[in-house]
Amino acid sequence: MKLKNIIMEDKKDKEVFEFKEIKDKTISDISRFFTKNDINSCIITKNKKPYYILTATDIIDALVAHYDNMNIATYIEKNPKKVIAISEEETVFEAYRLMRSYRIHHLIIVDKQGNYKAVIDFNDFASYLTEIALKDEMTGLYNKRFFEFIIDRYKNEDIEIGLIFIDLDNFKKINDIYGHMFGDRVLKKVASIIRHVIRDIDYAFRFGGDEFVVMVFTSNEVLAKIANRIKNTVKNTVMDNVRLECSIGYAHFPTDSDDLEEVLKLADERMYKEKKANKR
């Protein structure tokens, strides 16, 4: 996954300065600024290009050395530092490798022109890499690995859970006739439909290929309504004169079984039963 495709929390304007704006500020000024705004780094640019990164550690070391009244221009001259930057076109993993290699905690991200774009903190990678590991890159839905974790998490809980299996009909034919790029658009569209039907507390997964699974925390009656809403919305969707179709199967815990693994199996079987009927 490329860095530009990750929704990064870009540093606010107050944490990015052009050199000419900050060069006469003192170390004490910057220290007060860091404390007031609860930040641990400050990016200094020249003509929008990364020039220097000033960290909380730099400020502490400067204060210990009694550089309180030294201006930033002089401090940078006395403490030259190689600014490590990476293109937004690079991958998250390359950024991680670079930070490990240089043993740095902050990495500047630049655009194609080399202009400052964002800064990423090493600690952020825990959440970024977890996101990548648990989500399907194409659709943004959770993946099968996370589904298995969630099933294990809830199998002993005493709450109502509905599972919906969704499989697109004639998807191979769509790919063969219209190409894989169009097929990818279809998958993204179906994922979007599912997201809009379910609530934030529910889960949607892409198992791979054209198969999706939804987990909702609701009654059996509401489960049926959600499943039908997804199915009808998909069937009413037309893309480039191609009407989408899908087969759906669902089951409810504990209505259909008090074993969540069995509920999973039932939903899967019911989906394939409907798919078989649709081919007739």
C-alpha atoms as a PDB file:
ATOM      1  CA  MET A   1       0.000   0.000   0.000  1.00  0.00           C
ATOM      2  CA  LYS A   2       1.348   3.408  -0.991  1.00  0.00           C
ATOM      3  CA  LEU A   3       1.765   6.131   1.598  1.00  0.00           C
ATOM      4  CA  LYS A   4      -0.519   8.455  -0.348  1.00  0.00           C
ATOM      5  CA  ASN A   5      -3.354   5.940  -0.002  1.00  0.00           C
ATOM      6  CA  ILE A   6      -3.188   5.983   3.774  1.00  0.00           C
ATOM      7  CA  ILE A   7      -5.299   8.577   5.506  1.00  0.00           C
ATOM      8  CA  MET A   8      -2.580  10.186   7.525  1.00  0.00           C
ATOM      9  CA  GLU A   9      -3.167  12.861  10.086  1.00  0.00           C
ATOM     10  CA  ASP A  10      -1.154  15.597   8.453  1.00  0.00           C
ATOM     11  CA  LYS A  11       0.631  17.894  10.841  1.00  0.00           C
ATOM     12  CA  LYS A  12      -1.274  21.100  11.308  1.00  0.00           C
ATOM     13  CA  ASP A  13       0.067  24.364   9.888  1.00  0.00           C
ATOM     14  CA  LYS A  14       1.245  25.454  13.338  1.00  0.00           C
ATOM     15  CA  GLU A  15       3.819  22.591  13.265  1.00  0.00           C
ATOM     16  CA  VAL A  16       5.260  23.430   9.840  1.00  0.00           C
ATOM     17  CA  PHE A  17       7.241  26.626   9.284  1.00  0.00           C
ATOM     18  CA  GLU A  18       9.115  28.217   6.443  1.00  0.00           C
ATOM     19  CA  PHE A  19      12.708  28.879   7.514  1.00  0.00           C
ATOM     20  CA  LYS A  20      12.367  32.634   6.989  1.00  0.00           C
ATOM     21  CA  GLU A  21       9.453  32.695   9.438  1.00  0.00           C
ATOM     22  CA  ILE A  22      11.251  30.899  12.246  1.00  0.00           C
ATOM     23  CA  LYS A  23      14.974  31.612  11.792  1.00  0.00           C
ATOM     24  CA  ASP A  24      15.013  34.458  14.350  1.00  0.00           C
ATOM     25  CA  LYS A  25      13.010  32.567  16.985  1.00  0.00           C
ATOM     26  CA  THR A  26      15.009  31.349  19.980  1.00  0.00           C
ATOM     27  CA  ILE A  27      15.216  27.884  21.476  1.00  0.00           C
ATOM     28  CA  SER A  28      13.192  29.186  24.420  1.00  0.00           C
ATOM     29  CA  ASP A  29      10.504  30.406  22.026  1.00  0.00           C
ATOM     30  CA  ILE A  30      10.272  26.983  20.404  1.00  0.00           C
ATOM     31  CA  SER A  31      10.272  25.235  23.784  1.00  0.00           C
ATOM     32  CA  ARG A  32       7.276  27.290  24.899  1.00  0.00           C
ATOM     33  CA  PHE A  33       5.577  26.606  21.573  1.00  0.00           C
ATOM     34  CA  PHE A  34       6.063  22.836  21.959  1.00  0.00           C
ATOM     35  CA  THR A  35       4.681  22.918  25.497  1.00  0.00           C
ATOM     36  CA  LYS A  36       1.711  25.125  24.664  1.00  0.00           C
ATOM     37  CA  ASN A  37       0.655  23.045  21.662  1.00  0.00           C
ATOM     38  CA  ASP A  38       1.590  19.626  23.100  1.00  0.00           C
ATOM     39  CA  ILE A  39       3.719  18.591  20.118  1.00  0.00           C
ATOM     40  CA  ASN A  40       6.999  16.715  19.831  1.00  0.00           C
ATOM     41  CA  SER A  41       8.314  17.835  16.446  1.00  0.00           C
ATOM     42  CA  CYS A  42       8.434  20.830  14.178  1.00  0.00           C
ATOM     43  CA  ILE A  43       9.085  20.716  10.436  1.00  0.00           C
ATOM     44  CA  ILE A  44      11.072  23.562   8.877  1.00  0.00           C
ATOM     45  CA  THR A  45      10.831  24.027   5.120  1.00  0.00           C
ATOM     46  CA  LYS A  46      12.535  26.184   2.511  1.00  0.00           C
ATOM     47  CA  ASN A  47      10.335  27.010  -0.457  1.00  0.00           C
ATOM     48  CA  LYS A  48       7.984  24.231   0.716  1.00  0.00           C
ATOM     49  CA  LYS A  49      10.773  21.619   0.624  1.00  0.00           C
ATOM     50  CA  PRO A  50      11.883  19.872   3.848  1.00  0.00           C
ATOM     51  CA  TYR A  51      14.918  21.603   5.351  1.00  0.00           C
ATOM     52  CA  TYR A  52      15.134  20.598   9.003  1.00  0.00           C
ATOM     53  CA  ILE A  53      13.168  18.705  11.622  1.00  0.00           C
ATOM     54  CA  LEU A  54      13.309  19.963  15.172  1.00  0.00           C
ATOM     55  CA  THR A  55      12.249  17.461  17.831  1.00  0.00           C
ATOM     56  CA  ALA A  56      11.478  17.689  21.523  1.00  0.00           C
ATOM     57  CA  THR A  57      14.736  15.838  22.177  1.00  0.00           C
ATOM     58  CA  ASP A  58      16.634  18.527  20.249  1.00  0.00           C
ATOM     59  CA  ILE A  59      14.991  21.226  22.352  1.00  0.00           C
ATOM     60  CA  ILE A  60      15.777  19.479  25.648  1.00  0.00           C
ATOM     61  CA  ASP A  61      19.425  18.953  24.635  1.00  0.00           C
ATOM     62  CA  ALA A  62      19.676  22.609  23.588  1.00  0.00           C
ATOM     63  CA  LEU A  63      18.260  23.834  26.902  1.00  0.00           C
ATOM     64  CA  VAL A  64      20.621  21.585  28.853  1.00  0.00           C
ATOM     65  CA  ALA A  65      23.499  23.100  26.857  1.00  0.00           C
ATOM     66  CA  HIS A  66      22.237  26.604  27.788  1.00  0.00           C
ATOM     67  CA  TYR A  67      21.283  27.515  24.232  1.00  0.00           C
ATOM     68  CA  ASP A  68      18.095  29.155  25.494  1.00  0.00           C
ATOM     69  CA  ASN A  69      18.626  32.421  23.639  1.00  0.00           C
ATOM     70  CA  MET A  70      20.224  30.971  20.516  1.00  0.00           C
ATOM     71  CA  ASN A  71      18.164  31.635  17.410  1.00  0.00           C
ATOM     72  CA  ILE A  72      17.070  28.771  15.181  1.00  0.00           C
ATOM     73  CA  ALA A  73      19.248  29.803  12.231  1.00  0.00           C
ATOM     74  CA  THR A  74      22.367  29.592  14.417  1.00  0.00           C
ATOM     75  CA  TYR A  75      21.210  26.351  16.062  1.00  0.00           C
ATOM     76  CA  ILE A  76      20.732  24.657  12.679  1.00  0.00           C
ATOM     77  CA  GLU A  77      24.146  25.861  11.524  1.00  0.00           C
ATOM     78  CA  LYS A  78      25.798  24.441  14.648  1.00  0.00           C
ATOM     79  CA  ASN A  79      23.741  21.213  14.566  1.00  0.00           C
ATOM     80  CA  PRO A  80      23.447  20.118  10.940  1.00  0.00           C
ATOM     81  CA  LYS A  81      21.141  17.187  10.412  1.00  0.00           C
ATOM     82  CA  LYS A  82      20.398  15.056   7.386  1.00  0.00           C
ATOM     83  CA  VAL A  83      16.701  15.313   6.622  1.00  0.00           C
ATOM     84  CA  ILE A  84      15.316  11.917   5.667  1.00  0.00           C
ATOM     85  CA  ALA A  85      12.291  12.102   3.398  1.00  0.00           C
ATOM     86  CA  ILE A  86      10.301   9.610   1.366  1.00  0.00           C
ATOM     87  CA  SER A  87       7.991  10.004  -1.610  1.00  0.00           C
ATOM     88  CA  GLU A  88       4.269   9.555  -1.085  1.00  0.00           C
ATOM     89  CA  GLU A  89       4.462   7.072  -3.976  1.00  0.00           C
ATOM     90  CA  GLU A  90       6.505   4.659  -1.844  1.00  0.00           C
ATOM     91  CA  THR A  91       4.928   1.904   0.220  1.00  0.00           C
ATOM     92  CA  VAL A  92       4.238   1.843   3.938  1.00  0.00           C
ATOM     93  CA  PHE A  93       6.682  -1.017   4.292  1.00  0.00           C
ATOM     94  CA  GLU A  94       9.477   0.953   2.599  1.00  0.00           C
ATOM     95  CA  ALA A  95       8.819   3.842   5.003  1.00  0.00           C
ATOM     96  CA  TYR A  96       8.998   1.443   7.934  1.00  0.00           C
ATOM     97  CA  ARG A  97      12.254  -0.047   6.613  1.00  0.00           C
ATOM     98  CA  LEU A  98      13.746   3.426   6.179  1.00  0.00           C
ATOM     99  CA  MET A  99      12.888   4.478   9.716  1.00  0.00           C
ATOM    100  CA  ARG A 100      14.343   1.272  11.141  1.00  0.00           C
ATOM    101  CA  SER A 101      17.467   1.638   9.007  1.00  0.00           C
ATOM    102  CA  TYR A 102      18.162   5.240  10.077  1.00  0.00           C
ATOM    103  CA  ARG A 103      16.792   4.716  13.585  1.00  0.00           C
ATOM    104  CA  ILE A 104      14.593   7.792  13.309  1.00  0.00           C
ATOM    105  CA  HIS A 105      11.241   8.434  14.958  1.00  0.00           C
ATOM    106  CA  HIS A 106       9.870  10.893  12.415  1.00  0.00           C
ATOM    107  CA  LEU A 107       9.805  10.534   8.652  1.00  0.00           C
ATOM    108  CA  ILE A 108       8.874  13.343   6.274  1.00  0.00           C
ATOM    109  CA  ILE A 109       6.701  12.512   3.289  1.00  0.00           C
ATOM    110  CA  VAL A 110       7.003  14.571   0.117  1.00  0.00           C
ATOM    111  CA  ASP A 111       4.994  14.813  -3.095  1.00  0.00           C
ATOM    112  CA  LYS A 112       6.293  14.287  -6.635  1.00  0.00           C
ATOM    113  CA  GLN A 113       7.805  17.777  -6.668  1.00  0.00           C
ATOM    114  CA  GLY A 114       9.650  17.144  -3.421  1.00  0.00           C
ATOM    115  CA  ASN A 115       7.405  19.502  -1.465  1.00  0.00           C
ATOM    116  CA  TYR A 116       6.480  18.729   2.117  1.00  0.00           C
ATOM    117  CA  LYS A 117       3.308  16.653   2.345  1.00  0.00           C
ATOM    118  CA  ALA A 118       3.131  15.136   5.826  1.00  0.00           C
ATOM    119  CA  VAL A 119       5.169  13.686   8.649  1.00  0.00           C
ATOM    120  CA  ILE A 120       4.698  10.250  10.102  1.00  0.00           C
ATOM    121  CA  ASP A 121       5.683   9.118  13.578  1.00  0.00           C
ATOM    122  CA  PHE A 122       7.254   5.710  14.126  1.00  0.00           C
ATOM    123  CA  ASN A 123       4.604   4.904  16.729  1.00  0.00           C
ATOM    124  CA  ASP A 124       1.902   5.493  14.116  1.00  0.00           C
ATOM    125  CA  PHE A 125       3.072   2.446  12.227  1.00  0.00           C
ATOM    126  CA  ALA A 126       1.548   0.108  14.788  1.00  0.00           C
ATOM    127  CA  SER A 127      -1.932   1.287  13.825  1.00  0.00           C
ATOM    128  CA  TYR A 128      -1.101   1.632  10.109  1.00  0.00           C
ATOM    129  CA  LEU A 129       0.350  -1.856   9.775  1.00  0.00           C
ATOM    130  CA  THR A 130      -2.459  -3.343  11.855  1.00  0.00           C
ATOM    131  CA  GLU A 131      -4.941  -1.665   9.519  1.00  0.00           C
ATOM    132  CA  ILE A 132      -3.177  -3.157   6.503  1.00  0.00           C
ATOM    133  CA  ALA A 133      -3.004  -6.606   8.085  1.00  0.00           C
ATOM    134  CA  LEU A 134      -6.702  -6.694   8.931  1.00  0.00           C
ATOM    135  CA  LYS A 135      -8.259  -5.045   5.880  1.00  0.00           C
ATOM    136  CA  ASP A 136      -8.747  -5.934   2.252  1.00  0.00           C
ATOM    137  CA  GLU A 137      -6.777  -3.374   0.271  1.00  0.00           C
ATOM    138  CA  MET A 138      -9.171  -3.147  -2.673  1.00  0.00           C
ATOM    139  CA  THR A 139     -12.493  -2.722  -0.877  1.00  0.00           C
ATOM    140  CA  GLY A 140     -11.426  -1.411   2.515  1.00  0.00           C
ATOM    141  CA  LEU A 141     -13.520  -4.092   4.231  1.00  0.00           C
ATOM    142  CA  TYR A 142     -12.038  -6.364   6.872  1.00  0.00           C
ATOM    143  CA  ASN A 143     -10.369  -9.534   5.596  1.00  0.00           C
ATOM    144  CA  LYS A 144     -10.854 -13.222   6.368  1.00  0.00           C
ATOM    145  CA  ARG A 145      -8.038 -13.220   8.918  1.00  0.00           C
ATOM    146  CA  PHE A 146      -9.859 -10.630  11.010  1.00  0.00           C
ATOM    147  CA  PHE A 147     -13.145 -12.489  10.557  1.00  0.00           C
ATOM    148  CA  GLU A 148     -11.626 -15.592  12.135  1.00  0.00           C
ATOM    149  CA  PHE A 149     -10.417 -13.465  15.041  1.00  0.00           C
ATOM    150  CA  ILE A 150     -13.874 -11.895  15.510  1.00  0.00           C
ATOM    151  CA  ILE A 151     -15.637 -15.281  15.387  1.00  0.00           C
ATOM    152  CA  ASP A 152     -13.287 -16.562  18.071  1.00  0.00           C
ATOM    153  CA  ARG A 153     -13.858 -13.380  20.072  1.00  0.00           C
ATOM    154  CA  TYR A 154     -17.680 -13.710  20.126  1.00  0.00           C
ATOM    155  CA  LYS A 155     -18.269 -17.471  20.093  1.00  0.00           C
ATOM    156  CA  ASN A 156     -18.753 -17.588  23.861  1.00  0.00           C
ATOM    157  CA  GLU A 157     -20.694 -14.326  24.195  1.00  0.00           C
ATOM    158  CA  ASP A 158     -24.367 -14.330  25.154  1.00  0.00           C
ATOM    159  CA  ILE A 159     -25.531 -11.803  22.539  1.00  0.00           C
ATOM    160  CA  GLU A 160     -27.569 -12.007  19.356  1.00  0.00           C
ATOM    161  CA  ILE A 161     -25.424 -12.270  16.229  1.00  0.00           C
ATOM    162  CA  GLY A 162     -26.457 -12.546  12.608  1.00  0.00           C
ATOM    163  CA  LEU A 163     -24.168 -13.761   9.828  1.00  0.00           C
ATOM    164  CA  ILE A 164     -24.812 -13.004   6.164  1.00  0.00           C
ATOM    165  CA  PHE A 165     -22.906 -14.634   3.300  1.00  0.00           C
ATOM    166  CA  ILE A 166     -22.989 -12.792  -0.020  1.00  0.00           C
ATOM    167  CA  ASP A 167     -21.671 -14.135  -3.305  1.00  0.00           C
ATOM    168  CA  LEU A 168     -21.909 -12.244  -6.601  1.00  0.00           C
ATOM    169  CA  ASP A 169     -23.599 -14.121  -9.431  1.00  0.00           C
ATOM    170  CA  ASN A 170     -21.859 -14.441 -12.806  1.00  0.00           C
ATOM    171  CA  PHE A 171     -18.837 -12.513 -11.582  1.00  0.00           C
ATOM    172  CA  LYS A 172     -16.399 -14.655 -13.572  1.00  0.00           C
ATOM    173  CA  LYS A 173     -18.428 -13.929 -16.693  1.00  0.00           C
ATOM    174  CA  ILE A 174     -18.316 -10.204 -15.918  1.00  0.00           C
ATOM    175  CA  ASN A 175     -14.533 -10.368 -15.584  1.00  0.00           C
ATOM    176  CA  ASP A 176     -14.184 -12.355 -18.805  1.00  0.00           C
ATOM    177  CA  ILE A 177     -16.364  -9.992 -20.840  1.00  0.00           C
ATOM    178  CA  TYR A 178     -15.625  -6.576 -19.338  1.00  0.00           C
ATOM    179  CA  GLY A 179     -12.167  -7.114 -17.878  1.00  0.00           C
ATOM    180  CA  HIS A 180     -10.703  -7.230 -14.396  1.00  0.00           C
ATOM    181  CA  MET A 181     -10.638  -3.446 -13.951  1.00  0.00           C
ATOM    182  CA  PHE A 182     -14.406  -3.362 -14.345  1.00  0.00           C
ATOM    183  CA  GLY A 183     -14.645  -6.374 -12.036  1.00  0.00           C
ATOM    184  CA  ASP A 184     -12.675  -4.447  -9.407  1.00  0.00           C
ATOM    185  CA  ARG A 185     -15.128  -1.563  -9.711  1.00  0.00           C
ATOM    186  CA  VAL A 186     -17.995  -3.997  -9.123  1.00  0.00           C
ATOM    187  CA  LEU A 187     -16.354  -5.341  -5.964  1.00  0.00           C
ATOM    188  CA  LYS A 188     -15.809  -1.828  -4.642  1.00  0.00           C
ATOM    189  CA  LYS A 189     -19.404  -0.906  -5.402  1.00  0.00           C
ATOM    190  CA  VAL A 190     -20.778  -3.937  -3.561  1.00  0.00           C
ATOM    191  CA  ALA A 191     -18.513  -3.177  -0.602  1.00  0.00           C
ATOM    192  CA  SER A 192     -19.873   0.378  -0.571  1.00  0.00           C
ATOM    193  CA  ILE A 193     -23.456  -0.910  -0.629  1.00  0.00           C
ATOM    194  CA  ILE A 194     -22.789  -3.187   2.323  1.00  0.00           C
ATOM    195  CA  ARG A 195     -21.156  -0.386   4.314  1.00  0.00           C
ATOM    196  CA  HIS A 196     -24.144   1.881   3.769  1.00  0.00           C
ATOM    197  CA  VAL A 197     -26.655  -0.762   4.857  1.00  0.00           C
ATOM    198  CA  ILE A 198     -25.014  -1.878   8.100  1.00  0.00           C
ATOM    199  CA  ARG A 199     -24.262   0.168  11.200  1.00  0.00           C
ATOM    200  CA  ASP A 200     -20.885   1.276  12.552  1.00  0.00           C
ATOM    201  CA  ILE A 201     -20.996  -1.391  15.266  1.00  0.00           C
ATOM    202  CA  ASP A 202     -21.411  -4.183  12.694  1.00  0.00           C
ATOM    203  CA  TYR A 203     -18.661  -5.797  10.622  1.00  0.00           C
ATOM    204  CA  ALA A 204     -18.251  -6.366   6.893  1.00  0.00           C
ATOM    205  CA  PHE A 205     -15.601  -8.660   5.426  1.00  0.00           C
ATOM    206  CA  ARG A 206     -14.325  -9.611   2.009  1.00  0.00           C
ATOM    207  CA  PHE A 207     -13.382 -13.264   2.044  1.00  0.00           C
ATOM    208  CA  GLY A 208     -11.649 -13.090  -1.302  1.00  0.00           C
ATOM    209  CA  GLY A 209     -12.842 -13.230  -4.881  1.00  0.00           C
ATOM    210  CA  ASP A 210     -16.482 -12.157  -5.019  1.00  0.00           C
ATOM    211  CA  GLU A 211     -17.521 -13.428  -1.602  1.00  0.00           C
ATOM    212  CA  PHE A 212     -18.459 -11.160   1.297  1.00  0.00           C
ATOM    213  CA  VAL A 213     -19.571 -11.807   4.863  1.00  0.00           C
ATOM    214  CA  VAL A 214     -21.466  -9.478   7.194  1.00  0.00           C
ATOM    215  CA  MET A 215     -21.752  -9.806  10.971  1.00  0.00           C
ATOM    216  CA  VAL A 216     -24.554  -7.847  12.638  1.00  0.00           C
ATOM    217  CA  PHE A 217     -25.523  -7.652  16.280  1.00  0.00           C
ATOM    218  CA  THR A 218     -29.299  -7.759  16.125  1.00  0.00           C
ATOM    219  CA  SER A 219     -32.419  -9.919  16.247  1.00  0.00           C
ATOM    220  CA  ASN A 220     -33.323 -12.579  13.690  1.00  0.00           C
ATOM    221  CA  GLU A 221     -36.124 -10.393  12.320  1.00  0.00           C
ATOM    222  CA  VAL A 222     -33.838  -7.414  11.741  1.00  0.00           C
ATOM    223  CA  LEU A 223     -31.165  -9.726  10.300  1.00  0.00           C
ATOM    224  CA  ALA A 224     -33.607 -10.802   7.579  1.00  0.00           C
ATOM    225  CA  LYS A 225     -34.380  -7.181   6.750  1.00  0.00           C
ATOM    226  CA  ILE A 226     -30.690  -6.280   6.503  1.00  0.00           C
ATOM    227  CA  ALA A 227     -29.970  -9.271   4.257  1.00  0.00           C
ATOM    228  CA  ASN A 228     -32.884  -8.408   1.960  1.00  0.00           C
ATOM    229  CA  ARG A 229     -31.883  -4.757   1.850  1.00  0.00           C
ATOM    230  CA  ILE A 230     -28.365  -5.689   0.751  1.00  0.00           C
ATOM    231  CA  LYS A 231     -29.680  -8.120  -1.830  1.00  0.00           C
ATOM    232  CA  ASN A 232     -32.244  -5.718  -3.285  1.00  0.00           C
ATOM    233  CA  THR A 233     -29.783  -2.840  -3.406  1.00  0.00           C
ATOM    234  CA  VAL A 234     -27.234  -4.965  -5.232  1.00  0.00           C
ATOM    235  CA  LYS A 235     -29.874  -6.256  -7.679  1.00  0.00           C
ATOM    236  CA  ASN A 236     -31.033  -2.699  -8.385  1.00  0.00           C
ATOM    237  CA  THR A 237     -27.514  -1.553  -9.177  1.00  0.00           C
ATOM    238  CA  VAL A 238     -26.574  -1.139 -12.842  1.00  0.00           C
ATOM    239  CA  MET A 239     -23.000  -0.371 -13.875  1.00  0.00           C
ATOM    240  CA  ASP A 240     -22.260   0.360 -17.541  1.00  0.00           C
ATOM    241  CA  ASN A 241     -25.496  -1.401 -18.509  1.00  0.00           C
ATOM    242  CA  VAL A 242     -24.558  -4.430 -16.402  1.00  0.00           C
ATOM    243  CA  ARG A 243     -27.100  -5.313 -13.718  1.00  0.00           C
ATOM    244  CA  LEU A 244     -25.508  -6.833 -10.637  1.00  0.00           C
ATOM    245  CA  GLU A 245     -26.851 -10.014  -9.075  1.00  0.00           C
ATOM    246  CA  CYS A 246     -25.989 -11.855  -5.891  1.00  0.00           C
ATOM    247  CA  SER A 247     -26.895 -14.880  -3.810  1.00  0.00           C
ATOM    248  CA  ILE A 248     -27.346 -14.482  -0.076  1.00  0.00           C
ATOM    249  CA  GLY A 249     -27.611 -16.829   2.856  1.00  0.00           C
ATOM    250  CA  TYR A 250     -27.969 -15.885   6.488  1.00  0.00           C
ATOM    251  CA  ALA A 251     -28.313 -17.487   9.901  1.00  0.00           C
ATOM    252  CA  HIS A 252     -28.797 -16.248  13.438  1.00  0.00           C
ATOM    253  CA  PHE A 253     -27.235 -16.983  16.812  1.00  0.00           C
ATOM    254  CA  PRO A 254     -28.906 -18.299  18.922  1.00  0.00           C
ATOM    255  CA  THR A 255     -32.125 -18.683  16.858  1.00  0.00           C
ATOM    256  CA  ASP A 256     -30.677 -21.152  14.349  1.00  0.00           C
ATOM    257  CA  SER A 257     -28.048 -22.604  16.663  1.00  0.00           C
ATOM    258  CA  ASP A 258     -26.381 -21.844  19.970  1.00  0.00           C
ATOM    259  CA  ASP A 259     -23.035 -22.696  18.355  1.00  0.00           C
ATOM    260  CA  LEU A 260     -21.616 -19.737  16.405  1.00  0.00           C
ATOM    261  CA  GLU A 261     -19.496 -22.049  14.227  1.00  0.00           C
ATOM    262  CA  GLU A 262     -22.667 -23.900  13.250  1.00  0.00           C
ATOM    263  CA  VAL A 263     -24.413 -20.599  12.475  1.00  0.00           C
ATOM    264  CA  LEU A 264     -21.498 -19.760  10.199  1.00  0.00           C
ATOM    265  CA  LYS A 265     -21.859 -23.084   8.435  1.00  0.00           C
ATOM    266  CA  LEU A 266     -25.623 -22.661   8.018  1.00  0.00           C
ATOM    267  CA  ALA A 267     -25.288 -19.197   6.492  1.00  0.00           C
ATOM    268  CA  ASP A 268     -22.705 -20.494   4.040  1.00  0.00           C
ATOM    269  CA  GLU A 269     -24.864 -23.495   3.070  1.00  0.00           C
ATOM    270  CA  ARG A 270     -27.953 -21.326   2.573  1.00  0.00           C
ATOM    271  CA  MET A 271     -26.024 -18.966   0.343  1.00  0.00           C
ATOM    272  CA  TYR A 272     -24.824 -21.817  -1.876  1.00  0.00           C
ATOM    273  CA  LYS A 273     -28.321 -23.277  -1.951  1.00  0.00           C
ATOM    274  CA  GLU A 274     -29.664 -19.980  -3.274  1.00  0.00           C
ATOM    275  CA  LYS A 275     -26.793 -19.687  -5.722  1.00  0.00           C
ATOM    276  CA  LYS A 276     -27.575 -23.143  -7.082  1.00  0.00           C
ATOM    277  CA  ALA A 277     -31.248 -22.196  -7.459  1.00  0.00           C
ATOM    278  CA  ASN A 278     -30.319 -18.978  -9.283  1.00  0.00           C
ATOM    279  CA  LYS A 279     -28.413 -20.960 -11.923  1.00  0.00           C
ATOM    280  CA  ARG A 280     -31.485 -22.931 -12.945  1.00  0.00           C
END
